[in-house]
């Protein structure tokens, strides 16, 4: 068989082992200088890492050719949050007056935009035994209680009845500070002028 003679082969192995011991025992200027064995293992780790990266890259290319089945699904977009819409009117289907009557006014509607009354002010509704000469007074007051607008609510049909009669009132008022508060007052028409015969219904509003 070819190769070294057994005696020469043993001398060669001993020589290599002696050189390896000399190399590992060779003094260095840095305490952390790796040994030849450590360098060998580090090179082996790097080779293993490169092999792993090559496998992962090949897998990624294969999946992209298949159709990107492993592509992450983007998270669903959050639906847009919209502010709740403000009512276009202030509505009172049932009404309790200042004197606790529940059968005098109903279906009161005050036109508004975004919860704020419009100018000119418009109010509609139904009243029963609330008129005199087919009208009753409506006033508008600012936050200090001052009267800043008034007008007669006009009956839309025969007022001389004990049945419900529809009405409408419209009047303008001076501009107020945006967001300031006020009050609408619907008063029964009281020709006697006696306090015991008077009654009203108040509606808080925003300008």
N, C-alpha and C. Protein backbone atom coordinates (compact mmCIF):
# COMPACT_ATOMS: atom_id res chain seq x y z
N UNK A 1 0.86 -1.19 0.00
CA UNK A 1 0.00 0.00 0.00
C UNK A 1 0.88 1.22 0.00
N UNK A 2 0.36 2.32 -0.68
CA UNK A 2 1.15 3.55 -0.75
C UNK A 2 1.13 4.28 0.53
N UNK A 3 1.93 5.37 0.67
CA UNK A 3 1.95 6.22 1.86
C UNK A 3 3.29 6.18 2.51
N UNK A 4 3.33 6.73 3.76
CA UNK A 4 4.57 6.74 4.51
C UNK A 4 4.79 5.41 5.16
N UNK A 5 6.08 5.03 5.35
CA UNK A 5 6.37 3.86 6.19
C UNK A 5 5.90 4.13 7.58
N UNK A 6 5.61 3.08 8.32
CA UNK A 6 5.01 3.24 9.64
C UNK A 6 5.90 4.04 10.56
N UNK A 7 7.22 3.85 10.52
CA UNK A 7 8.11 4.61 11.40
C UNK A 7 8.13 6.07 11.05
N UNK A 8 8.19 6.34 9.73
CA UNK A 8 8.21 7.76 9.30
C UNK A 8 6.88 8.42 9.60
N UNK A 9 5.75 7.67 9.45
CA UNK A 9 4.43 8.25 9.74
C UNK A 9 4.33 8.61 11.21
N UNK A 10 4.89 7.79 12.14
CA UNK A 10 4.84 8.10 13.56
C UNK A 10 5.64 9.32 13.89
N UNK A 11 6.81 9.47 13.22
CA UNK A 11 7.63 10.66 13.45
C UNK A 11 6.90 11.92 12.99
N UNK A 12 6.20 11.80 11.86
CA UNK A 12 5.46 12.98 11.34
C UNK A 12 4.37 13.41 12.30
N UNK A 13 3.62 12.44 12.86
CA UNK A 13 2.55 12.76 13.81
C UNK A 13 3.12 13.40 15.05
N UNK A 14 4.23 12.86 15.56
CA UNK A 14 4.84 13.43 16.76
C UNK A 14 5.32 14.84 16.51
N UNK A 15 5.86 15.09 15.30
CA UNK A 15 6.34 16.43 14.96
C UNK A 15 5.20 17.42 14.92
N UNK A 16 4.07 17.02 14.33
CA UNK A 16 2.90 17.93 14.26
C UNK A 16 2.37 18.21 15.66
N UNK A 17 2.31 17.20 16.53
CA UNK A 17 1.81 17.42 17.89
C UNK A 17 2.72 18.36 18.65
N UNK A 18 4.06 18.22 18.42
CA UNK A 18 5.01 19.11 19.09
C UNK A 18 4.84 20.53 18.63
N UNK A 19 4.62 20.71 17.33
CA UNK A 19 4.41 22.09 16.81
C UNK A 19 3.12 22.69 17.35
N UNK A 20 2.09 21.88 17.47
CA UNK A 20 0.82 22.38 18.01
C UNK A 20 0.98 22.83 19.45
N UNK A 21 1.73 22.03 20.28
CA UNK A 21 1.94 22.43 21.67
C UNK A 21 2.75 23.71 21.75
N UNK A 22 3.76 23.81 20.86
CA UNK A 22 4.56 25.04 20.86
C UNK A 22 3.72 26.27 20.46
N UNK A 23 2.85 26.04 19.50
CA UNK A 23 2.03 27.18 19.06
C UNK A 23 1.09 27.64 20.17
N UNK A 24 0.46 26.65 20.87
CA UNK A 24 -0.47 27.02 21.94
C UNK A 24 0.24 27.62 23.13
N UNK A 25 1.53 27.24 23.36
CA UNK A 25 2.25 27.79 24.51
C UNK A 25 3.04 29.04 24.15
N UNK A 26 2.96 29.49 22.89
CA UNK A 26 3.71 30.67 22.45
C UNK A 26 3.17 31.90 23.17
N UNK A 27 4.02 32.70 23.83
CA UNK A 27 3.52 33.86 24.61
C UNK A 27 2.90 34.91 23.68
N UNK A 28 1.88 35.51 24.15
CA UNK A 28 1.19 36.58 23.39
C UNK A 28 1.14 37.82 24.24
N UNK A 29 0.85 38.94 23.53
CA UNK A 29 0.73 40.25 24.22
C UNK A 29 -0.68 40.49 24.72
N UNK A 30 -1.63 39.62 24.33
CA UNK A 30 -3.03 39.82 24.74
C UNK A 30 -3.52 38.57 25.42
N UNK A 31 -4.10 38.70 26.59
CA UNK A 31 -4.56 37.56 27.35
C UNK A 31 -5.72 36.85 26.67
N UNK A 32 -6.52 37.57 25.87
CA UNK A 32 -7.72 37.00 25.28
C UNK A 32 -7.49 36.47 23.88
N UNK A 33 -6.21 36.31 23.45
CA UNK A 33 -5.94 35.78 22.10
C UNK A 33 -6.38 34.33 22.04
N UNK A 34 -7.28 33.97 21.09
CA UNK A 34 -7.80 32.60 21.04
C UNK A 34 -6.73 31.61 20.64
N UNK A 35 -6.90 30.37 21.11
CA UNK A 35 -5.98 29.29 20.74
C UNK A 35 -6.35 28.77 19.37
N UNK A 36 -5.51 27.91 18.85
CA UNK A 36 -5.76 27.34 17.53
C UNK A 36 -7.04 26.50 17.55
N UNK A 37 -7.27 25.79 18.66
CA UNK A 37 -8.49 24.97 18.76
C UNK A 37 -9.73 25.86 18.75
N UNK A 38 -9.64 26.99 19.49
CA UNK A 38 -10.78 27.91 19.53
C UNK A 38 -11.04 28.51 18.17
N UNK A 39 -9.95 28.85 17.45
CA UNK A 39 -10.12 29.39 16.09
C UNK A 39 -10.80 28.37 15.20
N UNK A 40 -10.41 27.08 15.37
CA UNK A 40 -11.01 26.03 14.54
C UNK A 40 -12.51 25.92 14.81
N UNK A 41 -12.87 25.93 16.11
CA UNK A 41 -14.30 25.83 16.43
C UNK A 41 -15.07 27.06 15.98
N UNK A 42 -14.48 28.26 16.09
CA UNK A 42 -15.15 29.48 15.63
C UNK A 42 -15.39 29.42 14.14
N UNK A 43 -14.38 28.95 13.39
CA UNK A 43 -14.55 28.85 11.93
C UNK A 43 -15.66 27.86 11.60
N UNK A 44 -15.72 26.77 12.39
CA UNK A 44 -16.77 25.79 12.14
C UNK A 44 -18.15 26.39 12.43
N UNK A 45 -18.27 27.21 13.52
CA UNK A 45 -19.56 27.85 13.84
C UNK A 45 -19.98 28.80 12.73
N UNK A 46 -19.01 29.58 12.20
CA UNK A 46 -19.32 30.53 11.13
C UNK A 46 -19.79 29.77 9.89
N UNK A 47 -19.14 28.67 9.59
CA UNK A 47 -19.54 27.88 8.42
C UNK A 47 -20.96 27.34 8.61
N UNK A 48 -21.25 26.86 9.84
CA UNK A 48 -22.61 26.36 10.10
C UNK A 48 -23.64 27.47 9.96
N UNK A 49 -23.30 28.70 10.43
CA UNK A 49 -24.22 29.83 10.32
C UNK A 49 -24.47 30.20 8.86
N UNK A 50 -23.40 30.20 8.07
CA UNK A 50 -23.56 30.53 6.64
C UNK A 50 -24.43 29.49 5.96
N UNK A 51 -24.24 28.23 6.31
CA UNK A 51 -25.06 27.18 5.72
C UNK A 51 -26.53 27.37 6.08
N UNK A 52 -26.78 27.72 7.35
CA UNK A 52 -28.17 27.96 7.78
C UNK A 52 -28.79 29.12 7.03
N UNK A 53 -28.03 30.23 6.87
CA UNK A 53 -28.54 31.40 6.14
C UNK A 53 -28.84 31.05 4.69
N UNK A 54 -27.96 30.23 4.08
CA UNK A 54 -28.21 29.84 2.68
C UNK A 54 -29.48 29.01 2.58
N UNK A 55 -29.72 28.13 3.55
CA UNK A 55 -30.94 27.31 3.54
C UNK A 55 -32.18 28.19 3.68
N UNK A 56 -32.12 29.16 4.63
CA UNK A 56 -33.26 30.06 4.84
C UNK A 56 -33.54 30.91 3.61
N UNK A 57 -32.48 31.41 2.98
CA UNK A 57 -32.65 32.22 1.77
C UNK A 57 -33.29 31.40 0.66
N UNK A 58 -32.82 30.15 0.49
CA UNK A 58 -33.40 29.30 -0.54
C UNK A 58 -34.86 29.01 -0.24
N UNK A 59 -35.20 28.81 1.04
CA UNK A 59 -36.58 28.56 1.42
C UNK A 59 -37.46 29.77 1.11
N UNK A 60 -36.94 30.98 1.39
CA UNK A 60 -37.70 32.20 1.11
C UNK A 60 -37.96 32.36 -0.37
N UNK A 61 -36.96 32.10 -1.20
CA UNK A 61 -37.14 32.21 -2.65
C UNK A 61 -38.18 31.20 -3.13
N UNK A 62 -38.12 29.99 -2.59
CA UNK A 62 -39.07 28.96 -3.00
C UNK A 62 -40.50 29.36 -2.64
N UNK A 63 -40.69 29.90 -1.45
CA UNK A 63 -42.02 30.29 -1.03
C UNK A 63 -42.55 31.46 -1.84
N UNK A 64 -41.66 32.40 -2.22
CA UNK A 64 -42.09 33.52 -3.05
C UNK A 64 -42.51 33.05 -4.43
N UNK A 65 -41.83 32.02 -4.96
CA UNK A 65 -42.21 31.47 -6.26
C UNK A 65 -43.54 30.74 -6.17
N UNK A 66 -43.77 30.08 -5.03
CA UNK A 66 -45.04 29.37 -4.86
C UNK A 66 -46.21 30.34 -4.77
N UNK A 67 -45.98 31.49 -4.23
CA UNK A 67 -47.08 32.44 -4.12
C UNK A 67 -47.08 33.24 -2.85
N UNK A 68 -45.99 33.17 -2.11
CA UNK A 68 -45.90 33.98 -0.89
C UNK A 68 -46.86 33.52 0.18
N UNK A 69 -47.04 32.20 0.29
CA UNK A 69 -47.99 31.70 1.28
C UNK A 69 -47.62 32.04 2.70
N UNK A 70 -46.32 32.33 2.97
CA UNK A 70 -45.89 32.63 4.33
C UNK A 70 -45.80 34.12 4.59
N UNK A 71 -46.24 34.92 3.62
CA UNK A 71 -46.18 36.37 3.83
C UNK A 71 -47.11 36.74 4.97
N UNK A 72 -46.65 37.60 5.90
CA UNK A 72 -47.51 37.96 7.04
C UNK A 72 -48.73 38.73 6.60
N UNK A 73 -49.85 38.42 7.21
CA UNK A 73 -51.09 39.13 6.91
C UNK A 73 -51.08 40.47 7.64
N UNK A 74 -51.26 41.58 6.89
CA UNK A 74 -51.25 42.89 7.56
C UNK A 74 -52.39 43.00 8.54
N UNK A 75 -52.16 43.67 9.67
CA UNK A 75 -53.24 43.81 10.66
C UNK A 75 -54.39 44.62 10.10
N UNK A 76 -55.61 44.31 10.49
CA UNK A 76 -56.75 45.07 9.98
C UNK A 76 -56.69 46.51 10.44
N UNK A 77 -57.08 47.38 9.55
CA UNK A 77 -57.08 48.80 9.89
C UNK A 77 -58.22 49.09 10.86
N UNK A 78 -57.92 49.96 11.80
CA UNK A 78 -58.95 50.36 12.75
C UNK A 78 -60.00 51.20 12.03
N UNK A 79 -61.28 50.90 12.25
CA UNK A 79 -62.31 51.70 11.58
C UNK A 79 -62.27 53.14 12.08
N UNK A 80 -62.56 54.03 11.17
CA UNK A 80 -62.56 55.45 11.53
C UNK A 80 -63.62 55.72 12.59
N UNK A 81 -63.23 56.44 13.61
CA UNK A 81 -64.16 56.78 14.68
C UNK A 81 -64.76 58.15 14.38
N UNK A 82 -66.05 58.19 14.23
CA UNK A 82 -66.73 59.44 13.92
C UNK A 82 -67.50 59.92 15.14
N UNK A 83 -67.52 61.20 15.31
CA UNK A 83 -68.24 61.77 16.43
C UNK A 83 -69.74 61.57 16.22
N UNK A 84 -70.48 61.31 17.29
CA UNK A 84 -71.92 61.14 17.14
C UNK A 84 -72.55 62.41 16.60
N UNK A 85 -73.48 62.23 15.67
CA UNK A 85 -74.13 63.40 15.06
C UNK A 85 -75.07 64.04 16.07
N UNK A 86 -75.07 65.35 16.05
CA UNK A 86 -75.95 66.09 16.94
C UNK A 86 -77.33 66.19 16.30
N UNK A 87 -78.40 66.19 17.10
CA UNK A 87 -79.74 66.27 16.52
C UNK A 87 -79.96 67.60 15.81
N UNK A 88 -80.71 67.55 14.70
CA UNK A 88 -81.01 68.77 13.94
C UNK A 88 -82.16 69.55 14.57
N UNK A 89 -82.87 68.92 15.52
CA UNK A 89 -83.96 69.60 16.21
C UNK A 89 -83.95 69.20 17.68
N UNK A 90 -84.53 70.06 18.50
CA UNK A 90 -84.83 69.72 19.89
C UNK A 90 -86.30 69.35 19.95
N UNK A 91 -86.59 68.14 20.38
CA UNK A 91 -87.97 67.65 20.32
C UNK A 91 -88.43 67.19 21.69
N UNK A 92 -89.69 67.56 22.02
CA UNK A 92 -90.30 67.17 23.28
C UNK A 92 -91.70 66.61 22.96
N UNK A 93 -91.78 65.29 22.91
CA UNK A 93 -93.06 64.67 22.55
C UNK A 93 -94.08 64.83 23.67
N UNK A 94 -93.64 64.69 24.90
CA UNK A 94 -94.53 64.91 26.04
C UNK A 94 -93.97 66.04 26.88
N UNK A 95 -94.84 66.82 27.46
CA UNK A 95 -94.44 68.03 28.19
C UNK A 95 -95.16 68.09 29.52
N UNK A 96 -94.39 68.45 30.56
CA UNK A 96 -94.98 68.75 31.86
C UNK A 96 -94.74 70.22 32.15
N UNK A 97 -95.77 70.98 32.31
CA UNK A 97 -95.66 72.42 32.49
C UNK A 97 -95.22 72.76 33.92
N UNK A 98 -95.03 74.05 34.13
CA UNK A 98 -94.58 74.52 35.45
C UNK A 98 -95.56 74.13 36.55
N UNK A 99 -96.83 74.05 36.20
CA UNK A 99 -97.85 73.67 37.17
C UNK A 99 -98.23 72.20 37.06
N UNK A 100 -97.30 71.43 36.51
CA UNK A 100 -97.41 69.96 36.46
C UNK A 100 -98.55 69.47 35.57
N UNK A 101 -98.96 70.27 34.61
CA UNK A 101 -99.97 69.81 33.66
C UNK A 101 -99.30 69.04 32.53
N UNK A 102 -99.89 67.94 32.15
CA UNK A 102 -99.33 67.11 31.09
C UNK A 102 -100.24 67.06 29.85
N UNK A 103 -101.32 67.83 29.87
CA UNK A 103 -102.27 67.80 28.76
C UNK A 103 -102.46 69.18 28.13
N UNK A 104 -101.40 70.01 28.21
CA UNK A 104 -101.50 71.36 27.64
C UNK A 104 -100.60 71.55 26.43
N UNK A 105 -99.42 70.92 26.41
CA UNK A 105 -98.47 71.05 25.30
C UNK A 105 -97.91 69.67 24.95
N UNK A 106 -97.58 69.48 23.67
CA UNK A 106 -96.96 68.23 23.25
C UNK A 106 -96.31 68.42 21.88
N UNK A 107 -95.44 67.48 21.53
CA UNK A 107 -94.77 67.47 20.21
C UNK A 107 -94.11 68.81 19.89
N UNK A 108 -93.41 69.37 20.87
CA UNK A 108 -92.71 70.64 20.67
C UNK A 108 -91.41 70.37 19.92
N UNK A 109 -91.16 71.12 18.86
CA UNK A 109 -89.95 70.97 18.05
C UNK A 109 -89.29 72.34 17.90
N UNK A 110 -88.01 72.42 18.30
CA UNK A 110 -87.22 73.65 18.15
C UNK A 110 -86.12 73.37 17.13
N UNK A 111 -86.09 74.12 16.05
CA UNK A 111 -85.06 73.91 15.03
C UNK A 111 -83.69 74.27 15.59
N UNK A 112 -82.70 73.41 15.28
CA UNK A 112 -81.34 73.64 15.76
C UNK A 112 -80.37 73.02 14.78
N UNK A 113 -79.09 73.40 14.93
CA UNK A 113 -78.00 72.82 14.13
C UNK A 113 -76.88 72.43 15.08
N UNK A 114 -76.55 71.15 15.11
CA UNK A 114 -75.50 70.69 16.02
C UNK A 114 -75.82 70.96 17.47
N UNK A 115 -77.12 70.89 17.83
CA UNK A 115 -77.50 71.12 19.21
C UNK A 115 -77.66 72.58 19.58
N UNK A 116 -77.44 73.49 18.61
CA UNK A 116 -77.56 74.93 18.88
C UNK A 116 -78.73 75.50 18.08
N UNK A 117 -79.48 76.38 18.71
CA UNK A 117 -80.66 76.93 18.03
C UNK A 117 -80.23 77.82 16.87
N UNK A 118 -81.10 77.92 15.89
CA UNK A 118 -80.82 78.72 14.70
C UNK A 118 -81.48 80.09 14.84
N UNK A 119 -81.02 81.00 14.01
CA UNK A 119 -81.56 82.36 14.00
C UNK A 119 -81.99 82.71 12.57
N UNK A 120 -83.27 82.99 12.33
CA UNK A 120 -84.36 83.18 13.31
C UNK A 120 -84.82 81.86 13.94
N UNK A 121 -85.34 82.01 15.14
CA UNK A 121 -85.81 80.87 15.91
C UNK A 121 -87.16 80.40 15.37
N UNK A 122 -87.31 79.08 15.23
CA UNK A 122 -88.59 78.51 14.77
C UNK A 122 -89.00 77.38 15.70
N UNK A 123 -90.26 77.44 16.15
CA UNK A 123 -90.80 76.44 17.06
C UNK A 123 -92.17 76.02 16.54
N UNK A 124 -92.41 74.72 16.55
CA UNK A 124 -93.72 74.18 16.20
C UNK A 124 -94.16 73.21 17.29
N UNK A 125 -95.44 72.89 17.31
CA UNK A 125 -95.96 71.95 18.29
C UNK A 125 -97.47 71.97 18.32
N UNK A 126 -98.00 71.43 19.42
CA UNK A 126 -99.45 71.40 19.60
C UNK A 126 -99.77 71.88 21.01
N UNK A 127 -100.86 72.61 21.11
CA UNK A 127 -101.29 73.12 22.42
C UNK A 127 -102.79 72.89 22.59
N UNK A 128 -103.19 72.82 23.84
CA UNK A 128 -104.60 72.58 24.16
C UNK A 128 -105.00 73.50 25.30
N UNK A 129 -106.04 74.31 25.07
CA UNK A 129 -106.52 75.29 26.06
C UNK A 129 -105.38 76.19 26.52
N UNK A 130 -104.54 76.62 25.57
CA UNK A 130 -103.34 77.42 25.85
C UNK A 130 -103.40 78.78 25.14
N UNK A 131 -104.40 78.93 24.24
CA UNK A 131 -104.50 80.13 23.40
C UNK A 131 -105.51 81.13 23.97
N UNK A 132 -105.35 82.36 23.47
CA UNK A 132 -106.42 83.36 23.54
C UNK A 132 -106.32 84.18 22.26
N UNK A 133 -107.43 84.28 21.58
CA UNK A 133 -107.47 84.93 20.27
C UNK A 133 -106.47 84.27 19.32
N UNK A 134 -106.35 82.95 19.42
CA UNK A 134 -105.57 82.10 18.51
C UNK A 134 -104.05 82.26 18.66
N UNK A 135 -103.60 82.91 19.74
CA UNK A 135 -102.15 83.06 19.94
C UNK A 135 -101.79 82.83 21.40
N UNK A 136 -100.50 82.64 21.65
CA UNK A 136 -99.94 82.67 23.01
C UNK A 136 -98.49 83.15 22.89
N UNK A 137 -97.94 83.78 23.94
CA UNK A 137 -96.61 84.39 23.84
C UNK A 137 -95.48 83.38 24.04
N UNK A 138 -94.39 83.61 23.27
CA UNK A 138 -93.15 82.83 23.40
C UNK A 138 -92.00 83.83 23.52
N UNK A 139 -91.12 83.64 24.50
CA UNK A 139 -90.00 84.54 24.71
C UNK A 139 -88.68 83.75 24.73
N UNK A 140 -87.59 84.46 24.41
CA UNK A 140 -86.23 83.89 24.44
C UNK A 140 -85.38 84.74 25.37
N UNK A 141 -84.65 84.09 26.27
CA UNK A 141 -83.85 84.81 27.26
C UNK A 141 -82.39 84.36 27.17
N UNK A 142 -81.46 85.28 27.47
CA UNK A 142 -80.04 84.93 27.50
C UNK A 142 -79.67 84.32 28.85
N UNK A 143 -78.37 84.09 29.06
CA UNK A 143 -77.92 83.43 30.29
C UNK A 143 -78.20 84.27 31.53
N UNK A 144 -78.33 85.57 31.37
CA UNK A 144 -78.62 86.45 32.51
C UNK A 144 -80.11 86.64 32.73
N UNK A 145 -80.94 85.96 31.92
CA UNK A 145 -82.39 86.08 32.09
C UNK A 145 -83.02 87.25 31.35
N UNK A 146 -82.23 87.98 30.58
CA UNK A 146 -82.78 89.12 29.84
C UNK A 146 -83.53 88.63 28.60
N UNK A 147 -84.66 89.26 28.31
CA UNK A 147 -85.44 88.90 27.13
C UNK A 147 -84.75 89.46 25.89
N UNK A 148 -84.38 88.59 24.97
CA UNK A 148 -83.68 89.02 23.76
C UNK A 148 -84.49 88.72 22.49
N UNK A 149 -85.67 88.12 22.65
CA UNK A 149 -86.54 87.85 21.51
C UNK A 149 -87.90 87.40 21.98
N UNK A 150 -88.93 87.72 21.19
CA UNK A 150 -90.28 87.28 21.53
C UNK A 150 -91.14 87.27 20.27
N UNK A 151 -92.21 86.52 20.34
CA UNK A 151 -93.13 86.45 19.21
C UNK A 151 -94.37 85.67 19.61
N UNK A 152 -95.48 85.88 18.87
CA UNK A 152 -96.70 85.13 19.17
C UNK A 152 -96.72 83.79 18.45
N UNK A 153 -97.01 82.74 19.19
CA UNK A 153 -97.23 81.44 18.57
C UNK A 153 -98.65 81.45 18.01
N UNK A 154 -98.77 81.19 16.71
CA UNK A 154 -100.05 81.30 16.01
C UNK A 154 -100.68 79.92 15.82
N UNK A 155 -101.96 79.81 16.20
CA UNK A 155 -102.69 78.57 15.99
C UNK A 155 -102.86 78.34 14.50
N UNK A 156 -102.72 77.07 14.06
CA UNK A 156 -102.82 76.73 12.65
C UNK A 156 -104.22 76.24 12.27
N UNK A 157 -105.10 76.17 13.24
CA UNK A 157 -106.49 75.79 12.98
C UNK A 157 -107.37 76.44 14.05
N UNK A 158 -108.63 76.12 14.06
CA UNK A 158 -109.57 76.72 15.01
C UNK A 158 -109.09 76.49 16.44
N UNK A 159 -108.88 77.60 17.16
CA UNK A 159 -108.32 77.50 18.50
C UNK A 159 -109.41 77.33 19.57
N UNK A 160 -110.68 77.64 19.22
CA UNK A 160 -111.77 77.59 20.19
C UNK A 160 -112.32 76.16 20.30
N UNK A 161 -111.47 75.31 20.84
CA UNK A 161 -111.82 73.91 21.00
C UNK A 161 -111.01 73.34 22.17
N UNK A 162 -111.47 72.23 22.69
CA UNK A 162 -110.72 71.56 23.74
C UNK A 162 -109.79 70.48 23.18
N UNK A 163 -109.70 70.40 21.88
CA UNK A 163 -108.82 69.45 21.24
C UNK A 163 -107.42 70.06 21.04
N UNK A 164 -106.48 69.22 20.62
CA UNK A 164 -105.14 69.70 20.34
C UNK A 164 -105.14 70.55 19.07
N UNK A 165 -104.45 71.69 19.15
CA UNK A 165 -104.38 72.61 18.02
C UNK A 165 -102.90 72.86 17.69
N UNK A 166 -102.47 72.64 16.45
CA UNK A 166 -101.06 72.88 16.10
C UNK A 166 -100.75 74.38 16.06
N UNK A 167 -99.48 74.71 16.32
CA UNK A 167 -99.06 76.11 16.28
C UNK A 167 -97.67 76.22 15.67
N UNK A 168 -97.28 77.47 15.35
CA UNK A 168 -95.93 77.77 14.85
C UNK A 168 -95.57 79.19 15.25
N UNK A 169 -94.29 79.39 15.60
CA UNK A 169 -93.78 80.72 15.92
C UNK A 169 -92.39 80.85 15.34
N UNK A 170 -92.09 82.07 14.85
CA UNK A 170 -90.77 82.33 14.28
C UNK A 170 -90.42 83.79 14.56
N UNK A 171 -89.20 84.00 15.08
CA UNK A 171 -88.72 85.38 15.28
C UNK A 171 -87.20 85.38 15.36
N UNK A 172 -86.61 86.55 15.03
CA UNK A 172 -85.16 86.71 15.07
C UNK A 172 -84.74 87.25 16.43
N UNK A 173 -83.44 87.15 16.72
CA UNK A 173 -82.90 87.64 17.99
C UNK A 173 -81.45 88.07 17.76
N UNK A 174 -80.92 88.94 18.61
CA UNK A 174 -79.52 89.40 18.45
C UNK A 174 -78.55 88.23 18.59
N UNK A 175 -77.45 88.31 17.85
CA UNK A 175 -76.42 87.26 17.92
C UNK A 175 -75.87 87.18 19.34
N UNK A 176 -75.64 85.95 19.79
CA UNK A 176 -75.11 85.69 21.12
C UNK A 176 -73.74 85.01 21.00
N UNK A 177 -73.00 85.02 22.09
CA UNK A 177 -71.70 84.36 22.10
C UNK A 177 -71.88 82.87 21.82
N UNK A 178 -71.14 82.32 20.83
CA UNK A 178 -71.30 80.90 20.52
C UNK A 178 -71.05 80.03 21.74
N UNK A 179 -71.97 79.10 21.97
CA UNK A 179 -71.84 78.20 23.11
C UNK A 179 -72.49 78.71 24.38
N UNK A 180 -72.93 79.98 24.39
CA UNK A 180 -73.61 80.49 25.59
C UNK A 180 -75.01 79.89 25.68
N UNK A 181 -75.56 79.95 26.87
CA UNK A 181 -76.85 79.29 27.13
C UNK A 181 -77.99 80.29 27.19
N UNK A 182 -79.19 79.78 26.96
CA UNK A 182 -80.39 80.61 27.02
C UNK A 182 -81.58 79.75 27.37
N UNK A 183 -82.75 80.37 27.35
CA UNK A 183 -83.98 79.68 27.72
C UNK A 183 -85.13 80.17 26.86
N UNK A 184 -85.90 79.22 26.33
CA UNK A 184 -87.14 79.54 25.63
C UNK A 184 -88.29 79.31 26.61
N UNK A 185 -89.24 80.24 26.65
CA UNK A 185 -90.39 80.12 27.55
C UNK A 185 -91.67 80.18 26.72
N UNK A 186 -92.48 79.12 26.80
CA UNK A 186 -93.80 79.10 26.17
C UNK A 186 -94.83 79.35 27.27
N UNK A 187 -95.53 80.48 27.21
CA UNK A 187 -96.49 80.86 28.25
C UNK A 187 -97.92 80.74 27.72
N UNK A 188 -98.81 80.29 28.57
CA UNK A 188 -100.22 80.29 28.15
C UNK A 188 -100.71 81.74 28.12
N UNK A 189 -101.62 82.00 27.21
CA UNK A 189 -102.18 83.36 27.13
C UNK A 189 -103.22 83.51 28.23
N UNK A 190 -102.95 84.45 29.15
CA UNK A 190 -103.76 84.59 30.35
C UNK A 190 -104.37 85.99 30.37
N UNK A 191 -105.52 86.16 29.74
CA UNK A 191 -106.13 87.50 29.67
C UNK A 191 -106.57 88.02 31.04
N UNK A 192 -106.77 87.14 32.00
CA UNK A 192 -107.20 87.61 33.32
C UNK A 192 -106.07 88.28 34.07
N UNK A 193 -104.81 87.91 33.77
CA UNK A 193 -103.68 88.48 34.48
C UNK A 193 -103.48 87.90 35.87
N UNK A 194 -104.29 86.94 36.25
CA UNK A 194 -104.18 86.35 37.58
C UNK A 194 -103.09 85.28 37.60
N UNK A 195 -102.29 85.31 38.63
CA UNK A 195 -101.18 84.38 38.74
C UNK A 195 -101.64 82.92 38.78
N UNK A 196 -102.77 82.69 39.42
CA UNK A 196 -103.25 81.31 39.52
C UNK A 196 -103.67 80.73 38.17
N UNK A 197 -103.89 81.60 37.20
CA UNK A 197 -104.30 81.13 35.87
C UNK A 197 -103.11 81.04 34.90
N UNK A 198 -101.93 81.45 35.34
CA UNK A 198 -100.76 81.44 34.44
C UNK A 198 -100.03 80.08 34.51
N UNK A 199 -99.39 79.75 33.41
CA UNK A 199 -98.61 78.52 33.35
C UNK A 199 -97.57 78.68 32.24
N UNK A 200 -96.54 77.86 32.26
CA UNK A 200 -95.47 78.01 31.26
C UNK A 200 -94.68 76.71 31.16
N UNK A 201 -93.88 76.68 30.10
CA UNK A 201 -92.96 75.56 29.89
C UNK A 201 -91.63 76.13 29.40
N UNK A 202 -90.52 75.78 30.08
CA UNK A 202 -89.20 76.33 29.75
C UNK A 202 -88.33 75.28 29.06
N UNK A 203 -87.59 75.75 28.05
CA UNK A 203 -86.70 74.86 27.29
C UNK A 203 -85.28 75.45 27.34
N UNK A 204 -84.34 74.82 28.00
CA UNK A 204 -82.95 75.31 27.98
C UNK A 204 -82.33 75.07 26.61
N UNK A 205 -81.60 76.07 26.10
CA UNK A 205 -81.00 75.98 24.77
C UNK A 205 -79.56 76.49 24.80
N UNK A 206 -78.85 76.25 23.70
CA UNK A 206 -77.49 76.74 23.51
C UNK A 206 -77.45 77.56 22.23
N UNK A 207 -76.80 78.72 22.30
CA UNK A 207 -76.69 79.59 21.12
C UNK A 207 -75.52 79.18 20.23
